[in-house]
């Protein structure tokens, strides 16, 4: 049995974990409780601007979205040949924008890569059963196809 206060504390703990592994570049909160928009760039050693950009469309209370966010956070921390440390990653809450909500309300979570001209290309849906390493490899492959 989880009480509302415990649930809020767990949410705050997850948010702190996200911020501990990433540099917040813009955080907008709506209503004081709900995360409306969180953009962060994973910590990386290079100071050159990234050409690889990834957007996750989600909404609060979506268990599939939360699961994917956790796996993505872990994937950004992994090193190796498929490293994502140079990727600019943005999480967009579809409830904060009517256009996003109309486009993705039945599809979330949706991952999209941002192309060099600023347009977005939706990536194929990833299975929630994927391990972190395979998720990292698939995203790296999709971002490499520009």
C-alpha atoms as a PDB file:
ATOM      1  CA  UNK A   1       0.000   0.000   0.000  1.00  0.00           C
ATOM      2  CA  UNK A   2       1.494   3.333  -1.082  1.00  0.00           C
ATOM      3  CA  UNK A   3       0.206   6.531   0.473  1.00  0.00           C
ATOM      4  CA  UNK A   4       0.061   9.812  -1.499  1.00  0.00           C
ATOM      5  CA  UNK A   5       2.909  11.351   0.516  1.00  0.00           C
ATOM      6  CA  UNK A   6       5.167   8.352  -0.177  1.00  0.00           C
ATOM      7  CA  UNK A   7       4.306   8.572  -3.878  1.00  0.00           C
ATOM      8  CA  UNK A   8       5.223  12.286  -3.929  1.00  0.00           C
ATOM      9  CA  UNK A   9       8.479  11.549  -2.126  1.00  0.00           C
ATOM     10  CA  UNK A  10       9.336   8.829  -4.659  1.00  0.00           C
ATOM     11  CA  UNK A  11       8.587  11.257  -7.506  1.00  0.00           C
ATOM     12  CA  UNK A  12      10.830  13.881  -5.927  1.00  0.00           C
ATOM     13  CA  UNK A  13      13.578  11.277  -5.441  1.00  0.00           C
ATOM     14  CA  UNK A  14      13.366  10.338  -9.141  1.00  0.00           C
ATOM     15  CA  UNK A  15      13.507  14.008 -10.166  1.00  0.00           C
ATOM     16  CA  UNK A  16      16.576  14.527  -7.993  1.00  0.00           C
ATOM     17  CA  UNK A  17      18.190  11.468  -9.594  1.00  0.00           C
ATOM     18  CA  UNK A  18      17.514  12.919 -13.053  1.00  0.00           C
ATOM     19  CA  UNK A  19      19.056  16.233 -12.118  1.00  0.00           C
ATOM     20  CA  UNK A  20      22.028  14.500 -10.513  1.00  0.00           C
ATOM     21  CA  UNK A  21      22.973  12.903 -13.830  1.00  0.00           C
ATOM     22  CA  UNK A  22      22.106  15.806 -16.069  1.00  0.00           C
ATOM     23  CA  UNK A  23      22.526  19.533 -16.431  1.00  0.00           C
ATOM     24  CA  UNK A  24      19.143  21.222 -16.413  1.00  0.00           C
ATOM     25  CA  UNK A  25      19.006  23.756 -19.193  1.00  0.00           C
ATOM     26  CA  UNK A  26      15.337  24.627 -18.814  1.00  0.00           C
ATOM     27  CA  UNK A  27      12.804  23.488 -16.261  1.00  0.00           C
ATOM     28  CA  UNK A  28       9.249  24.780 -16.239  1.00  0.00           C
ATOM     29  CA  UNK A  29       6.856  23.527 -13.579  1.00  0.00           C
ATOM     30  CA  UNK A  30       3.105  23.977 -13.790  1.00  0.00           C
ATOM     31  CA  UNK A  31       0.820  24.121 -10.791  1.00  0.00           C
ATOM     32  CA  UNK A  32       3.670  23.622  -8.376  1.00  0.00           C
ATOM     33  CA  UNK A  33       3.320  19.830  -8.485  1.00  0.00           C
ATOM     34  CA  UNK A  34       3.464  18.563 -12.045  1.00  0.00           C
ATOM     35  CA  UNK A  35       6.555  18.599 -14.169  1.00  0.00           C
ATOM     36  CA  UNK A  36       5.482  20.309 -17.355  1.00  0.00           C
ATOM     37  CA  UNK A  37       8.680  20.392 -19.328  1.00  0.00           C
ATOM     38  CA  UNK A  38      12.140  19.162 -18.524  1.00  0.00           C
ATOM     39  CA  UNK A  39      15.040  19.598 -20.847  1.00  0.00           C
ATOM     40  CA  UNK A  40      18.408  18.320 -19.902  1.00  0.00           C
ATOM     41  CA  UNK A  41      21.684  17.594 -21.533  1.00  0.00           C
ATOM     42  CA  UNK A  42      23.562  14.626 -20.133  1.00  0.00           C
ATOM     43  CA  UNK A  43      26.929  15.403 -18.647  1.00  0.00           C
ATOM     44  CA  UNK A  44      29.584  15.112 -21.319  1.00  0.00           C
ATOM     45  CA  UNK A  45      33.238  15.951 -21.589  1.00  0.00           C
ATOM     46  CA  UNK A  46      33.141  17.740 -24.920  1.00  0.00           C
ATOM     47  CA  UNK A  47      32.234  21.398 -25.187  1.00  0.00           C
ATOM     48  CA  UNK A  48      31.212  21.196 -28.850  1.00  0.00           C
ATOM     49  CA  UNK A  49      27.514  21.584 -29.640  1.00  0.00           C
ATOM     50  CA  UNK A  50      25.691  18.342 -30.284  1.00  0.00           C
ATOM     51  CA  UNK A  51      24.201  17.596 -33.660  1.00  0.00           C
ATOM     52  CA  UNK A  52      22.249  14.614 -32.299  1.00  0.00           C
ATOM     53  CA  UNK A  53      18.959  15.565 -30.652  1.00  0.00           C
ATOM     54  CA  UNK A  54      16.265  13.350 -29.193  1.00  0.00           C
ATOM     55  CA  UNK A  55      12.781  14.271 -27.926  1.00  0.00           C
ATOM     56  CA  UNK A  56      10.512  12.143 -25.742  1.00  0.00           C
ATOM     57  CA  UNK A  57       6.804  12.995 -25.774  1.00  0.00           C
ATOM     58  CA  UNK A  58       5.118  11.781 -22.596  1.00  0.00           C
ATOM     59  CA  UNK A  59       2.654  12.787 -19.911  1.00  0.00           C
ATOM     60  CA  UNK A  60       2.433  12.518 -16.130  1.00  0.00           C
ATOM     61  CA  UNK A  61       1.000   9.280 -14.804  1.00  0.00           C
ATOM     62  CA  UNK A  62       1.942   7.213 -17.860  1.00  0.00           C
ATOM     63  CA  UNK A  63       3.646   4.042 -16.632  1.00  0.00           C
ATOM     64  CA  UNK A  64       5.104   3.246 -20.072  1.00  0.00           C
ATOM     65  CA  UNK A  65       6.560   6.764 -20.239  1.00  0.00           C
ATOM     66  CA  UNK A  66       8.050   6.476 -16.760  1.00  0.00           C
ATOM     67  CA  UNK A  67       9.625   3.121 -17.598  1.00  0.00           C
ATOM     68  CA  UNK A  68      11.166   4.470 -20.795  1.00  0.00           C
ATOM     69  CA  UNK A  69      12.470   7.586 -18.998  1.00  0.00           C
ATOM     70  CA  UNK A  70      14.244   5.406 -16.430  1.00  0.00           C
ATOM     71  CA  UNK A  71      15.818   3.240 -19.125  1.00  0.00           C
ATOM     72  CA  UNK A  72      16.862   6.291 -21.134  1.00  0.00           C
ATOM     73  CA  UNK A  73      18.519   7.808 -18.070  1.00  0.00           C
ATOM     74  CA  UNK A  74      20.499   4.598 -17.609  1.00  0.00           C
ATOM     75  CA  UNK A  75      21.338   4.438 -21.339  1.00  0.00           C
ATOM     76  CA  UNK A  76      22.739   7.984 -21.253  1.00  0.00           C
ATOM     77  CA  UNK A  77      25.123   6.939 -18.493  1.00  0.00           C
ATOM     78  CA  UNK A  78      26.531   3.952 -20.393  1.00  0.00           C
ATOM     79  CA  UNK A  79      29.760   4.364 -22.296  1.00  0.00           C
ATOM     80  CA  UNK A  80      31.041   2.313 -25.214  1.00  0.00           C
ATOM     81  CA  UNK A  81      30.682   2.315 -28.987  1.00  0.00           C
ATOM     82  CA  UNK A  82      27.007   3.332 -28.831  1.00  0.00           C
ATOM     83  CA  UNK A  83      27.454   6.124 -26.293  1.00  0.00           C
ATOM     84  CA  UNK A  84      24.729   8.764 -26.123  1.00  0.00           C
ATOM     85  CA  UNK A  85      26.678  11.267 -24.025  1.00  0.00           C
ATOM     86  CA  UNK A  86      26.736  13.837 -26.861  1.00  0.00           C
ATOM     87  CA  UNK A  87      22.960  13.728 -27.434  1.00  0.00           C
ATOM     88  CA  UNK A  88      20.748  16.662 -26.461  1.00  0.00           C
ATOM     89  CA  UNK A  89      17.693  15.070 -24.842  1.00  0.00           C
ATOM     90  CA  UNK A  90      14.397  16.778 -24.182  1.00  0.00           C
ATOM     91  CA  UNK A  91      11.272  15.500 -22.446  1.00  0.00           C
ATOM     92  CA  UNK A  92       8.016  17.153 -23.504  1.00  0.00           C
ATOM     93  CA  UNK A  93       4.789  16.858 -21.519  1.00  0.00           C
ATOM     94  CA  UNK A  94       2.021  16.610 -24.113  1.00  0.00           C
ATOM     95  CA  UNK A  95      -0.540  18.036 -21.688  1.00  0.00           C
ATOM     96  CA  UNK A  96       1.270  21.374 -21.811  1.00  0.00           C
ATOM     97  CA  UNK A  97       0.695  21.865 -25.557  1.00  0.00           C
ATOM     98  CA  UNK A  98      -2.624  21.203 -27.369  1.00  0.00           C
ATOM     99  CA  UNK A  99      -0.845  20.323 -30.641  1.00  0.00           C
ATOM    100  CA  UNK A 100       1.336  17.694 -28.969  1.00  0.00           C
ATOM    101  CA  UNK A 101      -1.641  16.311 -27.076  1.00  0.00           C
ATOM    102  CA  UNK A 102      -3.708  15.979 -30.254  1.00  0.00           C
ATOM    103  CA  UNK A 103      -0.845  14.351 -32.138  1.00  0.00           C
ATOM    104  CA  UNK A 104       0.389  11.935 -29.456  1.00  0.00           C
ATOM    105  CA  UNK A 105      -2.430  11.370 -26.941  1.00  0.00           C
ATOM    106  CA  UNK A 106      -2.888   7.719 -27.978  1.00  0.00           C
ATOM    107  CA  UNK A 107       0.721   7.012 -28.914  1.00  0.00           C
ATOM    108  CA  UNK A 108       2.891   7.968 -25.922  1.00  0.00           C
ATOM    109  CA  UNK A 109       5.657   7.422 -25.199  1.00  0.00           C
ATOM    110  CA  UNK A 110       6.935   8.730 -28.523  1.00  0.00           C
ATOM    111  CA  UNK A 111      10.618   9.218 -29.317  1.00  0.00           C
ATOM    112  CA  UNK A 112      11.592  11.552 -32.137  1.00  0.00           C
ATOM    113  CA  UNK A 113      14.929  12.624 -33.507  1.00  0.00           C
ATOM    114  CA  UNK A 114      15.416  16.229 -34.506  1.00  0.00           C
ATOM    115  CA  UNK A 115      16.875  16.527 -37.992  1.00  0.00           C
ATOM    116  CA  UNK A 116      19.446  19.123 -39.046  1.00  0.00           C
ATOM    117  CA  UNK A 117      16.693  21.320 -40.559  1.00  0.00           C
ATOM    118  CA  UNK A 118      14.795  21.358 -37.234  1.00  0.00           C
ATOM    119  CA  UNK A 119      12.018  18.973 -38.269  1.00  0.00           C
ATOM    120  CA  UNK A 120      11.311  15.866 -36.223  1.00  0.00           C
ATOM    121  CA  UNK A 121      11.199  12.264 -37.346  1.00  0.00           C
ATOM    122  CA  UNK A 122       9.340   9.805 -35.122  1.00  0.00           C
ATOM    123  CA  UNK A 123      11.353   6.715 -34.258  1.00  0.00           C
ATOM    124  CA  UNK A 124       9.803   3.237 -34.286  1.00  0.00           C
ATOM    125  CA  UNK A 125       8.198   2.281 -30.974  1.00  0.00           C
ATOM    126  CA  UNK A 126      10.597   0.524 -28.634  1.00  0.00           C
ATOM    127  CA  UNK A 127       9.470  -2.498 -26.653  1.00  0.00           C
ATOM    128  CA  UNK A 128       9.192  -1.899 -22.896  1.00  0.00           C
ATOM    129  CA  UNK A 129      10.987  -5.234 -22.482  1.00  0.00           C
ATOM    130  CA  UNK A 130      14.220  -4.001 -24.083  1.00  0.00           C
ATOM    131  CA  UNK A 131      17.282  -3.977 -21.889  1.00  0.00           C
ATOM    132  CA  UNK A 132      19.200  -0.744 -21.383  1.00  0.00           C
ATOM    133  CA  UNK A 133      22.149  -1.789 -23.592  1.00  0.00           C
ATOM    134  CA  UNK A 134      19.912  -2.768 -26.507  1.00  0.00           C
ATOM    135  CA  UNK A 135      17.868   0.416 -26.077  1.00  0.00           C
ATOM    136  CA  UNK A 136      21.097   2.437 -26.221  1.00  0.00           C
ATOM    137  CA  UNK A 137      22.221   0.591 -29.368  1.00  0.00           C
ATOM    138  CA  UNK A 138      18.883   1.093 -31.159  1.00  0.00           C
ATOM    139  CA  UNK A 139      18.750   4.804 -30.335  1.00  0.00           C
ATOM    140  CA  UNK A 140      22.378   5.328 -31.374  1.00  0.00           C
ATOM    141  CA  UNK A 141      21.656   3.584 -34.687  1.00  0.00           C
ATOM    142  CA  UNK A 142      18.535   5.692 -35.288  1.00  0.00           C
ATOM    143  CA  UNK A 143      20.361   8.940 -34.468  1.00  0.00           C
ATOM    144  CA  UNK A 144      23.244   7.953 -36.734  1.00  0.00           C
ATOM    145  CA  UNK A 145      20.952   7.791 -39.785  1.00  0.00           C
ATOM    146  CA  UNK A 146      20.881  11.515 -40.566  1.00  0.00           C
END
